[in-house]
Amino acid sequence: MFSHVVVFRFKPGTSDQQVDAIERGLAGLRARLPDMRSYAYGRDLGIREGNGDFAVVAEFDDEAAWLVYQQDEEHRRVIDQLIVPVTAERHAVQLRHP
């Protein structure tokens, strides 16, 4: 199994509507990418101080499937048009696990 985990911190002033648009954009990716085993994303619950604002966790069988996700045209559009403009910080990891 191959996991891709991303945590974002948004710029001050990022609106709920902008985050809603990110969620709507991400919602359609699972159907476009059948090799994605699982896909979770959403806003931090606010139960621990210092956490990021939003996270994405995507699981694939292997790196090749992840690369398809990374290069997907709609995924790139969501990143470029919706995520990048409101992101102050981005941290990501890719890991293999059983």
Foldseek 3Di string as FASTA:
>chain_A
DKKKKKFFAWDPPDDPVLQVVLVVLVVPVCVVQVQWPDKDKDADPPPDPPGGGMMIMIDGPDPVSVVCCVPPPSNVCSCVPRPVVTTPDMDMDMDDDD
